Each structure stands twice: as C-alpha cells, then as structure tokens.
C-alpha cells in the first residue's frame, strides 16, 4: 500500500486538478467510439471519483483559502 502525505494546500490543489481531469475524462468517454477503450476510461473514472472522495473537504479547503489571503 502506498501512502501519500500532503499539506492542506496540496490536498486542495490535488483535488482541483483531479476534478478538472475527471470533467475532461467524461467528455472523452462520451466521444469515444471503441467500446473497449470506453470501458477502460469508465474504470479510470470510478478510480478518480474514489480518490477525490478520499481527499479532505470543507474546513480544510476554507482554511487553505484563508491562509492565502
């Protein structure tokens, strides 16, 4: 098992990056004609959703925004 330690700011940044990529991935899934490739992309989508769900939300994001001000 791999563990990754991130600062609060890094976790917020990573979540934003993954969320953006997830949006792009959904468009790719919709535009893909190959069923095999589409299934692979859908597996990646599930993985990304799970990963995003494991990242902190709420107060951590607000604290990071406040510290930048």
PDB file of N, CA and C in Angstrom:
ATOM      1  N   UNK A   1       0.849  -1.176   0.000  1.00  0.00           N
ATOM      2  CA  UNK A   1       0.000   0.000   0.000  1.00  0.00           C
ATOM      3  C   UNK A   1       0.896   1.241   0.000  1.00  0.00           C
ATOM      4  N   UNK A   2       0.553   2.191  -0.795  1.00  0.00           N
ATOM      5  CA  UNK A   2       1.293   3.450  -0.877  1.00  0.00           C
ATOM      6  C   UNK A   2       0.529   4.509  -0.096  1.00  0.00           C
ATOM      7  N   UNK A   3       1.247   5.249   0.720  1.00  0.00           N
ATOM      8  CA  UNK A   3       0.648   6.348   1.467  1.00  0.00           C
ATOM      9  C   UNK A   3       1.297   7.639   0.995  1.00  0.00           C
ATOM     10  N   UNK A   4       0.479   8.663   0.902  1.00  0.00           N
ATOM     11  CA  UNK A   4       0.947   9.955   0.420  1.00  0.00           C
ATOM     12  C   UNK A   4       0.546  11.013   1.435  1.00  0.00           C
ATOM     13  N   UNK A   5       1.515  11.742   1.926  1.00  0.00           N
ATOM     14  CA  UNK A   5       1.223  12.818   2.870  1.00  0.00           C
ATOM     15  C   UNK A   5       1.270  14.147   2.126  1.00  0.00           C
ATOM     16  N   UNK A   6       0.210  14.923   2.309  1.00  0.00           N
ATOM     17  CA  UNK A   6       0.094  16.216   1.646  1.00  0.00           C
ATOM     18  C   UNK A   6      -0.223  17.286   2.677  1.00  0.00           C
ATOM     19  N   UNK A   7       0.235  18.491   2.413  1.00  0.00           N
ATOM     20  CA  UNK A   7      -0.212  19.610   3.233  1.00  0.00           C
ATOM     21  C   UNK A   7      -1.659  19.888   2.860  1.00  0.00           C
ATOM     22  N   UNK A   8      -2.329  20.688   3.668  1.00  0.00           N
ATOM     23  CA  UNK A   8      -3.719  21.032   3.363  1.00  0.00           C
ATOM     24  C   UNK A   8      -3.833  21.706   1.999  1.00  0.00           C
ATOM     25  N   UNK A   9      -2.916  22.600   1.723  1.00  0.00           N
ATOM     26  CA  UNK A   9      -2.937  23.310   0.439  1.00  0.00           C
ATOM     27  C   UNK A   9      -2.703  22.352  -0.720  1.00  0.00           C
ATOM     28  N   UNK A  10      -1.774  21.432  -0.559  1.00  0.00           N
ATOM     29  CA  UNK A  10      -1.511  20.445  -1.609  1.00  0.00           C
ATOM     30  C   UNK A  10      -2.730  19.558  -1.849  1.00  0.00           C
ATOM     31  N   UNK A  11      -3.419  19.178  -0.771  1.00  0.00           N
ATOM     32  CA  UNK A  11      -4.612  18.344  -0.911  1.00  0.00           C
ATOM     33  C   UNK A  11      -5.707  19.077  -1.677  1.00  0.00           C
ATOM     34  N   UNK A  12      -5.866  20.354  -1.382  1.00  0.00           N
ATOM     35  CA  UNK A  12      -6.861  21.160  -2.098  1.00  0.00           C
ATOM     36  C   UNK A  12      -6.479  21.280  -3.570  1.00  0.00           C
ATOM     37  N   UNK A  13      -5.209  21.560  -3.832  1.00  0.00           N
ATOM     38  CA  UNK A  13      -4.745  21.677  -5.215  1.00  0.00           C
ATOM     39  C   UNK A  13      -4.929  20.362  -5.975  1.00  0.00           C
ATOM     40  N   UNK A  14      -4.556  19.260  -5.334  1.00  0.00           N
ATOM     41  CA  UNK A  14      -4.709  17.953  -5.979  1.00  0.00           C
ATOM     42  C   UNK A  14      -6.172  17.663  -6.282  1.00  0.00           C
ATOM     43  N   UNK A  15      -7.044  17.985  -5.360  1.00  0.00           N
ATOM     44  CA  UNK A  15      -8.477  17.752  -5.583  1.00  0.00           C
ATOM     45  C   UNK A  15      -8.979  18.565  -6.776  1.00  0.00           C
ATOM     46  N   UNK A  16      -8.541  19.809  -6.881  1.00  0.00           N
ATOM     47  CA  UNK A  16      -8.938  20.649  -8.016  1.00  0.00           C
ATOM     48  C   UNK A  16      -8.432  20.069  -9.328  1.00  0.00           C
ATOM     49  N   UNK A  17      -7.198  19.621  -9.343  1.00  0.00           N
ATOM     50  CA  UNK A  17      -6.606  19.041 -10.555  1.00  0.00           C
ATOM     51  C   UNK A  17      -7.354  17.780 -10.966  1.00  0.00           C
ATOM     52  N   UNK A  18      -7.606  16.896 -10.011  1.00  0.00           N
ATOM     53  CA  UNK A  18      -8.304  15.644 -10.323  1.00  0.00           C
ATOM     54  C   UNK A  18      -9.735  15.895 -10.766  1.00  0.00           C
ATOM     55  N   UNK A  19     -10.398  16.869 -10.158  1.00  0.00           N
ATOM     56  CA  UNK A  19     -11.769  17.205 -10.542  1.00  0.00           C
ATOM     57  C   UNK A  19     -11.808  17.735 -11.970  1.00  0.00           C
ATOM     58  N   UNK A  20     -10.826  18.568 -12.325  1.00  0.00           N
ATOM     59  CA  UNK A  20     -10.742  19.072 -13.698  1.00  0.00           C
ATOM     60  C   UNK A  20     -10.517  17.908 -14.664  1.00  0.00           C
ATOM     61  N   UNK A  21      -9.586  17.032 -14.328  1.00  0.00           N
ATOM     62  CA  UNK A  21      -9.297  15.888 -15.189  1.00  0.00           C
ATOM     63  C   UNK A  21     -10.515  14.985 -15.335  1.00  0.00           C
ATOM     64  N   UNK A  22     -11.262  14.809 -14.260  1.00  0.00           N
ATOM     65  CA  UNK A  22     -12.467  13.986 -14.300  1.00  0.00           C
ATOM     66  C   UNK A  22     -13.476  14.558 -15.292  1.00  0.00           C
ATOM     67  N   UNK A  23     -13.615  15.857 -15.316  1.00  0.00           N
ATOM     68  CA  UNK A  23     -14.512  16.505 -16.270  1.00  0.00           C
ATOM     69  C   UNK A  23     -14.065  16.239 -17.709  1.00  0.00           C
ATOM     70  N   UNK A  24     -12.768  16.370 -17.944  1.00  0.00           N
ATOM     71  CA  UNK A  24     -12.220  16.094 -19.277  1.00  0.00           C
ATOM     72  C   UNK A  24     -12.398  14.622 -19.648  1.00  0.00           C
ATOM     73  N   UNK A  25     -12.216  13.747 -18.686  1.00  0.00           N
ATOM     74  CA  UNK A  25     -12.367  12.316 -18.916  1.00  0.00           C
ATOM     75  C   UNK A  25     -13.798  11.973 -19.311  1.00  0.00           C
ATOM     76  N   UNK A  26     -14.760  12.605 -18.680  1.00  0.00           N
ATOM     77  CA  UNK A  26     -16.173  12.361 -19.016  1.00  0.00           C
ATOM     78  C   UNK A  26     -16.472  12.756 -20.466  1.00  0.00           C
ATOM     79  N   UNK A  27     -15.871  13.843 -20.914  1.00  0.00           N
ATOM     80  CA  UNK A  27     -16.062  14.244 -22.314  1.00  0.00           C
ATOM     81  C   UNK A  27     -15.424  13.222 -23.244  1.00  0.00           C
ATOM     82  N   UNK A  28     -14.252  12.711 -22.871  1.00  0.00           N
ATOM     83  CA  UNK A  28     -13.575  11.695 -23.676  1.00  0.00           C
ATOM     84  C   UNK A  28     -14.413  10.421 -23.749  1.00  0.00           C
ATOM     85  N   UNK A  29     -15.008  10.034 -22.632  1.00  0.00           N
ATOM     86  CA  UNK A  29     -15.864   8.845 -22.613  1.00  0.00           C
ATOM     87  C   UNK A  29     -17.029   9.026 -23.580  1.00  0.00           C
ATOM     88  N   UNK A  30     -17.635  10.192 -23.557  1.00  0.00           N
ATOM     89  CA  UNK A  30     -18.780  10.459 -24.420  1.00  0.00           C
ATOM     90  C   UNK A  30     -18.402  10.452 -25.904  1.00  0.00           C
ATOM     91  N   UNK A  31     -17.170  10.862 -26.210  1.00  0.00           N
ATOM     92  CA  UNK A  31     -16.739  10.968 -27.611  1.00  0.00           C
ATOM     93  C   UNK A  31     -16.066   9.709 -28.156  1.00  0.00           C
ATOM     94  N   UNK A  32     -15.878   8.707 -27.321  1.00  0.00           N
ATOM     95  CA  UNK A  32     -15.146   7.511 -27.725  1.00  0.00           C
ATOM     96  C   UNK A  32     -16.063   6.496 -28.392  1.00  0.00           C
ATOM     97  N   UNK A  33     -15.644   6.012 -29.553  1.00  0.00           N
ATOM     98  CA  UNK A  33     -16.427   5.021 -30.291  1.00  0.00           C
ATOM     99  C   UNK A  33     -16.078   3.586 -29.888  1.00  0.00           C
ATOM    100  N   UNK A  34     -14.854   3.345 -29.499  1.00  0.00           N
ATOM    101  CA  UNK A  34     -14.396   1.999 -29.147  1.00  0.00           C
ATOM    102  C   UNK A  34     -14.950   1.593 -27.787  1.00  0.00           C
ATOM    103  N   UNK A  35     -15.699   0.507 -27.757  1.00  0.00           N
ATOM    104  CA  UNK A  35     -16.300   0.045 -26.506  1.00  0.00           C
ATOM    105  C   UNK A  35     -15.232  -0.388 -25.505  1.00  0.00           C
ATOM    106  N   UNK A  36     -14.176  -1.055 -25.962  1.00  0.00           N
ATOM    107  CA  UNK A  36     -13.115  -1.480 -25.047  1.00  0.00           C
ATOM    108  C   UNK A  36     -12.430  -0.278 -24.406  1.00  0.00           C
ATOM    109  N   UNK A  37     -12.118   0.708 -25.232  1.00  0.00           N
ATOM    110  CA  UNK A  37     -11.467   1.909 -24.723  1.00  0.00           C
ATOM    111  C   UNK A  37     -12.392   2.643 -23.764  1.00  0.00           C
ATOM    112  N   UNK A  38     -13.676   2.716 -24.103  1.00  0.00           N
ATOM    113  CA  UNK A  38     -14.669   3.375 -23.246  1.00  0.00           C
ATOM    114  C   UNK A  38     -14.740   2.690 -21.877  1.00  0.00           C
ATOM    115  N   UNK A  39     -14.724   1.377 -21.860  1.00  0.00           N
ATOM    116  CA  UNK A  39     -14.778   0.647 -20.587  1.00  0.00           C
ATOM    117  C   UNK A  39     -13.541   0.938 -19.738  1.00  0.00           C
ATOM    118  N   UNK A  40     -12.391   1.022 -20.370  1.00  0.00           N
ATOM    119  CA  UNK A  40     -11.168   1.381 -19.640  1.00  0.00           C
ATOM    120  C   UNK A  40     -11.273   2.789 -19.055  1.00  0.00           C
ATOM    121  N   UNK A  41     -11.807   3.709 -19.835  1.00  0.00           N
ATOM    122  CA  UNK A  41     -11.981   5.079 -19.353  1.00  0.00           C
ATOM    123  C   UNK A  41     -12.982   5.130 -18.201  1.00  0.00           C
ATOM    124  N   UNK A  42     -14.022   4.315 -18.271  1.00  0.00           N
ATOM    125  CA  UNK A  42     -15.017   4.285 -17.191  1.00  0.00           C
ATOM    126  C   UNK A  42     -14.405   3.737 -15.903  1.00  0.00           C
ATOM    127  N   UNK A  43     -13.526   2.753 -16.016  1.00  0.00           N
ATOM    128  CA  UNK A  43     -12.830   2.246 -14.826  1.00  0.00           C
ATOM    129  C   UNK A  43     -11.954   3.347 -14.220  1.00  0.00           C
ATOM    130  N   UNK A  44     -11.308   4.106 -15.068  1.00  0.00           N
ATOM    131  CA  UNK A  44     -10.489   5.223 -14.590  1.00  0.00           C
ATOM    132  C   UNK A  44     -11.368   6.275 -13.914  1.00  0.00           C
ATOM    133  N   UNK A  45     -12.559   6.503 -14.469  1.00  0.00           N
ATOM    134  CA  UNK A  45     -13.489   7.465 -13.873  1.00  0.00           C
ATOM    135  C   UNK A  45     -13.888   7.034 -12.458  1.00  0.00           C
ATOM    136  N   UNK A  46     -14.187   5.759 -12.281  1.00  0.00           N
ATOM    137  CA  UNK A  46     -14.553   5.243 -10.962  1.00  0.00           C
ATOM    138  C   UNK A  46     -13.394   5.433  -9.986  1.00  0.00           C
ATOM    139  N   UNK A  47     -12.176   5.111 -10.440  1.00  0.00           N
ATOM    140  CA  UNK A  47     -10.996   5.280  -9.609  1.00  0.00           C
ATOM    141  C   UNK A  47     -10.828   6.741  -9.189  1.00  0.00           C
ATOM    142  N   UNK A  48     -10.964   7.661 -10.140  1.00  0.00           N
ATOM    143  CA  UNK A  48     -10.805   9.086  -9.830  1.00  0.00           C
ATOM    144  C   UNK A  48     -11.853   9.566  -8.840  1.00  0.00           C
ATOM    145  N   UNK A  49     -13.097   9.149  -9.028  1.00  0.00           N
ATOM    146  CA  UNK A  49     -14.159   9.547  -8.099  1.00  0.00           C
ATOM    147  C   UNK A  49     -13.839   9.074  -6.689  1.00  0.00           C
ATOM    148  N   UNK A  50     -13.348   7.846  -6.576  1.00  0.00           N
ATOM    149  CA  UNK A  50     -12.986   7.308  -5.272  1.00  0.00           C
ATOM    150  C   UNK A  50     -11.830   8.093  -4.668  1.00  0.00           C
ATOM    151  N   UNK A  51     -10.828   8.375  -5.464  1.00  0.00           N
ATOM    152  CA  UNK A  51      -9.672   9.122  -4.987  1.00  0.00           C
ATOM    153  C   UNK A  51     -10.063  10.526  -4.541  1.00  0.00           C
ATOM    154  N   UNK A  52     -10.866  11.202  -5.334  1.00  0.00           N
ATOM    155  CA  UNK A  52     -11.338  12.545  -4.985  1.00  0.00           C
ATOM    156  C   UNK A  52     -12.127  12.491  -3.681  1.00  0.00           C
ATOM    157  N   UNK A  53     -12.931  11.449  -3.523  1.00  0.00           N
ATOM    158  CA  UNK A  53     -13.721  11.299  -2.308  1.00  0.00           C
ATOM    159  C   UNK A  53     -12.878  11.088  -1.063  1.00  0.00           C
ATOM    160  N   UNK A  54     -11.657  10.626  -1.213  1.00  0.00           N
ATOM    161  CA  UNK A  54     -10.772  10.408  -0.069  1.00  0.00           C
ATOM    162  C   UNK A  54     -10.039  11.674   0.360  1.00  0.00           C
ATOM    163  N   UNK A  55     -10.042  12.674  -0.492  1.00  0.00           N
ATOM    164  CA  UNK A  55      -9.350  13.919  -0.154  1.00  0.00           C
ATOM    165  C   UNK A  55     -10.224  14.761   0.762  1.00  0.00           C
ATOM    166  N   UNK A  56      -9.601  15.515   1.674  1.00  0.00           N
ATOM    167  CA  UNK A  56     -10.367  16.320   2.627  1.00  0.00           C
ATOM    168  C   UNK A  56     -11.215  17.379   1.928  1.00  0.00           C
ATOM    169  N   UNK A  57     -12.333  17.659   2.542  1.00  0.00           N
ATOM    170  CA  UNK A  57     -13.225  18.698   2.018  1.00  0.00           C
ATOM    171  C   UNK A  57     -13.619  19.639   3.150  1.00  0.00           C
ATOM    172  N   UNK A  58     -14.347  20.671   2.789  1.00  0.00           N
ATOM    173  CA  UNK A  58     -14.938  21.549   3.802  1.00  0.00           C
ATOM    174  C   UNK A  58     -13.929  22.458   4.461  1.00  0.00           C
ATOM    175  N   UNK A  59     -13.735  22.270   5.762  1.00  0.00           N
ATOM    176  CA  UNK A  59     -12.924  23.202   6.544  1.00  0.00           C
ATOM    177  C   UNK A  59     -11.482  23.276   6.047  1.00  0.00           C
ATOM    178  N   UNK A  60     -10.945  22.177   5.543  1.00  0.00           N
ATOM    179  CA  UNK A  60      -9.569  22.197   5.042  1.00  0.00           C
ATOM    180  C   UNK A  60      -9.460  23.152   3.863  1.00  0.00           C
ATOM    181  N   UNK A  61     -10.432  23.096   2.944  1.00  0.00           N
ATOM    182  CA  UNK A  61     -10.410  23.995   1.794  1.00  0.00           C
ATOM    183  C   UNK A  61     -10.552  25.445   2.249  1.00  0.00           C
ATOM    184  N   UNK A  62     -11.453  25.686   3.186  1.00  0.00           N
ATOM    185  CA  UNK A  62     -11.648  27.057   3.660  1.00  0.00           C
ATOM    186  C   UNK A  62     -10.403  27.566   4.375  1.00  0.00           C
ATOM    187  N   UNK A  63      -9.753  26.716   5.171  1.00  0.00           N
ATOM    188  CA  UNK A  63      -8.539  27.118   5.861  1.00  0.00           C
ATOM    189  C   UNK A  63      -7.432  27.460   4.861  1.00  0.00           C
ATOM    190  N   UNK A  64      -7.314  26.674   3.814  1.00  0.00           N
ATOM    191  CA  UNK A  64      -6.291  26.933   2.804  1.00  0.00           C
ATOM    192  C   UNK A  64      -6.551  28.258   2.094  1.00  0.00           C
ATOM    193  N   UNK A  65      -7.809  28.516   1.764  1.00  0.00           N
ATOM    194  CA  UNK A  65      -8.148  29.778   1.105  1.00  0.00           C
ATOM    195  C   UNK A  65      -7.859  30.957   2.025  1.00  0.00           C
ATOM    196  N   UNK A  66      -8.196  30.819   3.304  1.00  0.00           N
ATOM    197  CA  UNK A  66      -7.973  31.906   4.246  1.00  0.00           C
ATOM    198  C   UNK A  66      -6.491  32.173   4.475  1.00  0.00           C
ATOM    199  N   UNK A  67      -5.671  31.131   4.454  1.00  0.00           N
ATOM    200  CA  UNK A  67      -4.239  31.323   4.692  1.00  0.00           C
ATOM    201  C   UNK A  67      -3.561  32.022   3.524  1.00  0.00           C
ATOM    202  N   UNK A  68      -4.165  31.944   2.342  1.00  0.00           N
ATOM    203  CA  UNK A  68      -3.588  32.605   1.169  1.00  0.00           C
ATOM    204  C   UNK A  68      -3.908  34.087   1.142  1.00  0.00           C
ATOM    205  N   UNK A  69      -4.873  34.498   1.908  1.00  0.00           N
ATOM    206  CA  UNK A  69      -5.292  35.917   1.893  1.00  0.00           C
ATOM    207  C   UNK A  69      -4.424  36.783   2.732  1.00  0.00           C
TER     208      UNK A  69
END
